[in-house]
Amino acid sequence: MSRPVRTCLMNSQAKEEVVKRGTFLYGGTWRCAVEIVQTDFRPGSGDYEDPAEIREDAHGVFFDIRYASAGPRPFSSGVIGLESLPAAVAQVESVVADVQWE
């Protein structure tokens, strides 16, 4: 059975605003940056086996988390599409050490 092919592109028209900044302790030594960004776009997975609410792109209010690495790239990982700022803050605080919010 052939699977449908879908090109996943970020929406270049998405509005983004950093709503919270902080730092966290990485490896017990390095202080790295974290940002929570409010956006009006959440990309879908594009996987035909996923339910429609995950598969399809969505427009609304979402919060993305961007973690900086201790290396040369400014932001190297993150989490997308959280439903609220408190949920995004809780996510950050549950996975990194010693978060200090500005």
N, C-alpha and C. Protein backbone atom coordinates (compact mmCIF):
# COMPACT_ATOMS: atom_id res chain seq x y z
N MET A 1 0.84 -1.17 0.00
CA MET A 1 0.00 0.00 0.00
C MET A 1 0.89 1.24 0.00
N SER A 2 0.63 2.16 -0.89
CA SER A 2 1.43 3.38 -0.94
C SER A 2 0.86 4.41 0.03
N ARG A 3 1.75 5.18 0.61
CA ARG A 3 1.34 6.22 1.55
C ARG A 3 1.34 7.57 0.84
N PRO A 4 0.39 8.43 1.19
CA PRO A 4 0.40 9.76 0.60
C PRO A 4 1.66 10.52 1.01
N VAL A 5 2.15 11.33 0.11
CA VAL A 5 3.34 12.12 0.39
C VAL A 5 2.89 13.54 0.69
N ARG A 6 3.44 14.08 1.76
CA ARG A 6 3.09 15.45 2.13
C ARG A 6 4.38 16.20 2.46
N THR A 7 4.51 17.37 1.92
CA THR A 7 5.66 18.20 2.24
C THR A 7 5.30 19.04 3.46
N CYS A 8 6.11 18.93 4.50
CA CYS A 8 5.88 19.70 5.72
C CYS A 8 6.73 20.96 5.69
N LEU A 9 6.08 22.08 5.67
CA LEU A 9 6.78 23.37 5.68
C LEU A 9 6.25 24.19 6.84
N MET A 10 7.11 24.92 7.47
CA MET A 10 6.67 25.84 8.50
C MET A 10 5.95 26.99 7.81
N ASN A 11 4.97 27.54 8.46
CA ASN A 11 4.20 28.64 7.92
C ASN A 11 5.01 29.93 8.06
N SER A 12 5.49 30.46 6.96
CA SER A 12 6.32 31.67 7.01
C SER A 12 5.50 32.89 7.41
N GLN A 13 4.18 32.77 7.42
CA GLN A 13 3.31 33.88 7.81
C GLN A 13 2.93 33.82 9.29
N ALA A 14 3.41 32.82 10.01
CA ALA A 14 3.06 32.68 11.42
C ALA A 14 3.58 33.87 12.22
N LYS A 15 2.77 34.34 13.15
CA LYS A 15 3.18 35.42 14.05
C LYS A 15 3.75 34.78 15.30
N GLU A 16 4.91 35.28 15.72
CA GLU A 16 5.56 34.76 16.91
C GLU A 16 5.98 35.91 17.81
N GLU A 17 5.86 35.69 19.12
CA GLU A 17 6.30 36.68 20.09
C GLU A 17 6.86 35.95 21.31
N VAL A 18 8.08 36.31 21.71
CA VAL A 18 8.66 35.73 22.92
C VAL A 18 7.89 36.31 24.10
N VAL A 19 7.29 35.42 24.92
CA VAL A 19 6.48 35.88 26.05
C VAL A 19 7.13 35.57 27.40
N LYS A 20 8.16 34.73 27.41
CA LYS A 20 8.86 34.43 28.65
C LYS A 20 10.27 33.96 28.30
N ARG A 21 11.25 34.47 29.08
CA ARG A 21 12.65 34.08 28.89
C ARG A 21 13.22 33.67 30.22
N GLY A 22 14.19 32.78 30.14
CA GLY A 22 14.88 32.38 31.35
C GLY A 22 16.16 31.64 31.01
N THR A 23 16.76 31.10 32.05
CA THR A 23 17.95 30.27 31.88
C THR A 23 17.78 29.02 32.72
N PHE A 24 18.53 27.99 32.35
CA PHE A 24 18.50 26.74 33.11
C PHE A 24 19.91 26.19 33.20
N LEU A 25 20.12 25.32 34.16
CA LEU A 25 21.43 24.73 34.37
C LEU A 25 21.52 23.44 33.58
N TYR A 26 22.51 23.36 32.70
CA TYR A 26 22.72 22.18 31.85
C TYR A 26 23.98 21.46 32.31
N GLY A 27 23.85 20.19 32.60
CA GLY A 27 25.00 19.39 32.98
C GLY A 27 25.64 19.83 34.29
N GLY A 28 24.88 20.55 35.11
CA GLY A 28 25.40 21.00 36.38
C GLY A 28 26.43 22.12 36.25
N THR A 29 26.73 22.56 35.04
CA THR A 29 27.80 23.53 34.83
C THR A 29 27.39 24.72 33.98
N TRP A 30 26.72 24.46 32.87
CA TRP A 30 26.44 25.51 31.87
C TRP A 30 25.08 26.13 32.10
N ARG A 31 25.01 27.45 32.05
CA ARG A 31 23.74 28.15 32.10
C ARG A 31 23.32 28.42 30.67
N CYS A 32 22.15 27.89 30.27
CA CYS A 32 21.66 28.00 28.90
C CYS A 32 20.31 28.73 28.89
N ALA A 33 19.98 29.31 27.75
CA ALA A 33 18.75 30.08 27.60
C ALA A 33 17.57 29.18 27.25
N VAL A 34 16.39 29.64 27.65
CA VAL A 34 15.13 29.02 27.24
C VAL A 34 14.15 30.16 26.95
N GLU A 35 13.35 29.99 25.90
CA GLU A 35 12.33 30.96 25.53
C GLU A 35 11.00 30.24 25.36
N ILE A 36 9.94 30.91 25.75
CA ILE A 36 8.59 30.46 25.42
C ILE A 36 8.03 31.48 24.43
N VAL A 37 7.58 30.97 23.29
CA VAL A 37 7.13 31.82 22.19
C VAL A 37 5.65 31.57 21.94
N GLN A 38 4.87 32.64 21.92
CA GLN A 38 3.46 32.52 21.54
C GLN A 38 3.38 32.62 20.03
N THR A 39 2.64 31.71 19.43
CA THR A 39 2.50 31.68 17.98
C THR A 39 1.05 31.41 17.60
N ASP A 40 0.72 31.68 16.37
CA ASP A 40 -0.66 31.43 15.91
C ASP A 40 -0.73 30.24 14.95
N PHE A 41 0.31 29.42 14.94
CA PHE A 41 0.37 28.29 14.01
C PHE A 41 1.03 27.09 14.68
N ARG A 42 0.43 25.91 14.49
CA ARG A 42 1.03 24.65 14.94
C ARG A 42 1.05 23.69 13.75
N PRO A 43 2.24 23.31 13.30
CA PRO A 43 2.30 22.40 12.16
C PRO A 43 1.79 21.01 12.55
N GLY A 44 1.10 20.39 11.63
CA GLY A 44 0.63 19.03 11.85
C GLY A 44 1.73 18.02 11.54
N SER A 45 1.49 16.77 11.92
CA SER A 45 2.49 15.72 11.68
C SER A 45 2.54 15.31 10.22
N GLY A 46 1.40 15.43 9.52
CA GLY A 46 1.34 15.00 8.13
C GLY A 46 1.22 13.50 7.96
N ASP A 47 1.18 12.76 9.05
CA ASP A 47 1.11 11.29 9.00
C ASP A 47 -0.34 10.85 8.89
N TYR A 48 -0.67 10.17 7.82
CA TYR A 48 -2.06 9.78 7.57
C TYR A 48 -2.61 8.85 8.65
N GLU A 49 -1.75 8.22 9.43
CA GLU A 49 -2.20 7.33 10.50
C GLU A 49 -2.56 8.08 11.78
N ASP A 50 -2.17 9.34 11.89
CA ASP A 50 -2.50 10.15 13.07
C ASP A 50 -3.93 10.65 12.97
N PRO A 51 -4.55 10.91 14.14
CA PRO A 51 -5.88 11.54 14.12
C PRO A 51 -5.78 12.93 13.49
N ALA A 52 -6.86 13.41 12.94
CA ALA A 52 -6.88 14.69 12.21
C ALA A 52 -6.34 15.84 13.05
N GLU A 53 -6.63 15.88 14.36
CA GLU A 53 -6.19 17.00 15.19
C GLU A 53 -4.67 17.04 15.36
N ILE A 54 -4.00 15.95 15.13
CA ILE A 54 -2.53 15.89 15.18
C ILE A 54 -1.95 16.00 13.76
N ARG A 55 -2.61 15.38 12.81
CA ARG A 55 -2.12 15.31 11.43
C ARG A 55 -2.15 16.65 10.70
N GLU A 56 -3.19 17.43 10.92
CA GLU A 56 -3.40 18.67 10.17
C GLU A 56 -2.77 19.88 10.86
N ASP A 57 -2.32 20.85 10.06
CA ASP A 57 -1.86 22.11 10.61
C ASP A 57 -3.02 22.78 11.35
N ALA A 58 -2.69 23.57 12.37
CA ALA A 58 -3.73 24.25 13.13
C ALA A 58 -3.38 25.72 13.30
N HIS A 59 -4.42 26.55 13.30
CA HIS A 59 -4.28 27.98 13.55
C HIS A 59 -5.02 28.30 14.84
N GLY A 60 -4.41 29.12 15.67
CA GLY A 60 -4.98 29.47 16.97
C GLY A 60 -3.88 30.06 17.83
N VAL A 61 -3.98 29.88 19.14
CA VAL A 61 -2.95 30.37 20.05
C VAL A 61 -2.21 29.17 20.62
N PHE A 62 -0.92 29.13 20.39
CA PHE A 62 -0.08 28.02 20.86
C PHE A 62 1.20 28.59 21.47
N PHE A 63 1.88 27.75 22.24
CA PHE A 63 3.12 28.15 22.89
C PHE A 63 4.19 27.12 22.58
N ASP A 64 5.30 27.60 22.05
CA ASP A 64 6.45 26.76 21.72
C ASP A 64 7.57 27.05 22.72
N ILE A 65 8.34 26.02 23.04
CA ILE A 65 9.49 26.17 23.92
C ILE A 65 10.74 25.99 23.08
N ARG A 66 11.70 26.87 23.26
CA ARG A 66 12.97 26.78 22.55
C ARG A 66 14.10 26.73 23.58
N TYR A 67 14.86 25.64 23.53
CA TYR A 67 15.99 25.47 24.44
C TYR A 67 17.29 25.74 23.70
N ALA A 68 18.16 26.52 24.33
CA ALA A 68 19.49 26.76 23.77
C ALA A 68 20.41 25.63 24.23
N SER A 69 21.37 25.31 23.40
CA SER A 69 22.34 24.29 23.77
C SER A 69 23.58 24.97 24.35
N ALA A 70 24.44 24.16 24.92
CA ALA A 70 25.71 24.69 25.43
C ALA A 70 26.71 24.86 24.28
N GLY A 71 26.33 24.44 23.09
CA GLY A 71 27.21 24.51 21.92
C GLY A 71 27.00 25.78 21.12
N PRO A 72 27.43 25.76 19.86
CA PRO A 72 27.43 26.97 19.04
C PRO A 72 26.06 27.40 18.49
N ARG A 73 25.10 26.49 18.41
CA ARG A 73 23.80 26.88 17.85
C ARG A 73 22.96 27.58 18.92
N PRO A 74 22.28 28.67 18.56
CA PRO A 74 21.55 29.41 19.59
C PRO A 74 20.38 28.63 20.20
N PHE A 75 19.53 28.04 19.40
CA PHE A 75 18.43 27.22 19.91
C PHE A 75 18.41 25.93 19.13
N SER A 76 18.61 24.82 19.84
CA SER A 76 18.82 23.56 19.14
C SER A 76 17.72 22.53 19.37
N SER A 77 16.81 22.78 20.29
CA SER A 77 15.73 21.82 20.51
C SER A 77 14.53 22.56 21.08
N GLY A 78 13.41 21.87 21.11
CA GLY A 78 12.22 22.51 21.65
C GLY A 78 11.01 21.62 21.64
N VAL A 79 9.91 22.21 22.05
CA VAL A 79 8.61 21.57 22.10
C VAL A 79 7.64 22.55 21.44
N ILE A 80 6.75 22.05 20.60
CA ILE A 80 5.82 22.94 19.92
C ILE A 80 4.37 22.61 20.26
N GLY A 81 3.51 23.62 20.11
CA GLY A 81 2.07 23.42 20.14
C GLY A 81 1.42 23.24 21.48
N LEU A 82 2.03 23.74 22.56
CA LEU A 82 1.37 23.64 23.86
C LEU A 82 0.19 24.61 23.90
N GLU A 83 -0.83 24.26 24.65
CA GLU A 83 -2.10 25.00 24.62
C GLU A 83 -2.14 26.25 25.49
N SER A 84 -1.20 26.41 26.44
CA SER A 84 -1.24 27.58 27.31
C SER A 84 0.15 27.92 27.82
N LEU A 85 0.30 29.17 28.27
CA LEU A 85 1.57 29.59 28.86
C LEU A 85 1.86 28.81 30.14
N PRO A 86 0.89 28.62 31.05
CA PRO A 86 1.18 27.81 32.24
C PRO A 86 1.62 26.38 31.91
N ALA A 87 1.05 25.80 30.86
CA ALA A 87 1.46 24.45 30.45
C ALA A 87 2.89 24.46 29.94
N ALA A 88 3.27 25.50 29.22
CA ALA A 88 4.64 25.59 28.70
C ALA A 88 5.63 25.80 29.85
N VAL A 89 5.30 26.66 30.80
CA VAL A 89 6.17 26.87 31.96
C VAL A 89 6.33 25.58 32.74
N ALA A 90 5.23 24.87 32.98
CA ALA A 90 5.29 23.59 33.71
C ALA A 90 6.15 22.57 32.98
N GLN A 91 6.05 22.54 31.66
CA GLN A 91 6.86 21.61 30.86
C GLN A 91 8.35 21.90 31.04
N VAL A 92 8.72 23.18 30.93
CA VAL A 92 10.12 23.55 31.11
C VAL A 92 10.59 23.15 32.50
N GLU A 93 9.84 23.53 33.50
CA GLU A 93 10.25 23.28 34.88
C GLU A 93 10.31 21.80 35.23
N SER A 94 9.62 20.97 34.46
CA SER A 94 9.65 19.53 34.74
C SER A 94 10.83 18.81 34.08
N VAL A 95 11.50 19.45 33.12
CA VAL A 95 12.55 18.74 32.39
C VAL A 95 13.95 19.33 32.49
N VAL A 96 14.09 20.55 33.00
CA VAL A 96 15.43 21.13 33.14
C VAL A 96 15.66 21.57 34.57
N ALA A 97 16.93 21.67 34.95
CA ALA A 97 17.29 22.00 36.33
C ALA A 97 17.44 23.51 36.53
N ASP A 98 17.04 23.95 37.70
CA ASP A 98 17.33 25.31 38.18
C ASP A 98 16.92 26.38 37.18
N VAL A 99 15.65 26.37 36.78
CA VAL A 99 15.16 27.40 35.86
C VAL A 99 15.05 28.72 36.60
N GLN A 100 15.56 29.76 35.98
CA GLN A 100 15.45 31.11 36.53
C GLN A 100 14.80 31.98 35.47
N TRP A 101 13.56 32.38 35.72
CA TRP A 101 12.81 33.20 34.77
C TRP A 101 13.15 34.67 34.96
N GLU A 102 13.17 35.42 33.87
CA GLU A 102 13.40 36.87 33.92
C GLU A 102 12.15 37.56 34.42
